[in-house]
Protein backbone atom coordinates (compact mmCIF):
# COMPACT_ATOMS: atom_id res chain seq x y z
CA PHE A 1 85.79 96.16 94.80
CA LYS A 2 82.20 96.58 96.70
CA ALA A 3 81.95 92.46 95.60
CA VAL A 4 85.62 91.32 96.94
CA LEU A 5 84.82 93.61 100.45
CA PHE A 6 81.79 92.16 100.98
CA ALA A 7 83.28 88.50 100.63
CA LEU A 8 86.26 89.50 102.70
CA VAL A 9 83.95 90.27 105.51
CA HIS A 10 81.30 87.18 105.17
CA PRO A 11 81.24 85.23 108.45
CA ASP A 12 81.98 81.85 106.13
CA PHE A 13 85.37 82.91 104.58
CA ARG A 14 86.12 84.71 107.97
CA SER A 15 85.45 81.89 109.58
CA SER A 16 87.16 79.46 107.71
CA ILE A 17 90.55 81.41 105.98
CA LEU A 18 91.27 84.14 108.29
CA LYS A 19 92.33 83.52 111.51
CA LEU A 20 93.40 85.99 114.23
CA PRO A 21 97.18 85.56 115.46
CA SER A 22 96.77 83.96 119.44
CA ALA A 23 98.02 85.80 122.28
CA ASP A 24 100.46 82.54 122.12
CA SER A 25 102.69 83.80 119.11
CA ILE A 26 104.44 86.51 121.55
CA PRO A 27 107.68 84.92 122.04
CA GLU A 28 108.71 83.48 125.30
CA ARG A 29 112.38 86.28 125.99
CA ILE A 30 109.36 89.17 125.53
CA GLN A 31 106.75 87.43 127.44
CA ASN A 32 108.99 87.43 130.48
CA ASP A 33 111.44 90.57 130.00
CA PRO A 34 109.33 93.08 132.43
CA LYS A 35 110.77 96.15 129.97
CA LEU A 36 109.32 94.51 127.00
CA PHE A 37 106.41 92.62 128.03
CA PRO A 38 103.51 95.76 128.49
CA PHE A 39 104.82 97.19 125.04
CA PHE A 40 103.26 94.02 123.25
CA LYS A 41 100.83 92.54 126.43
CA ASP A 42 97.65 93.37 124.37
CA HIS A 43 99.38 92.81 120.69
CA LEU A 44 97.46 91.45 117.50
CA GLY A 45 99.96 90.50 115.45
CA ALA A 46 102.93 92.55 114.02
CA ALA A 47 103.35 94.69 111.32
CA ASP A 48 106.23 93.12 109.08
CA CYS A 49 105.25 94.73 105.82
CA SER A 50 103.12 91.02 105.14
CA HIS A 51 101.18 91.17 102.22
CA VAL A 52 97.90 89.28 101.39
CA PRO A 53 97.50 89.91 97.05
CA VAL A 54 93.87 89.38 96.71
CA HIS A 55 92.67 89.39 92.44
CA PRO A 56 88.84 89.40 91.37
CA PRO A 57 88.51 86.31 89.33
CA SER A 58 88.92 87.47 85.46
């Protein structure tokens, strides 16, 4: 477990593979809606039950 965790937080892996969503990913409809935008203005990404399967080598 520790080896996988350290690999995931290693700067080389993090900078080349993992990308944080940009603020541009807010749909235009939400950006232009004064009622909805305050809830999404500082978002980092959707919580849509996406999972990335990770398996250590055998």
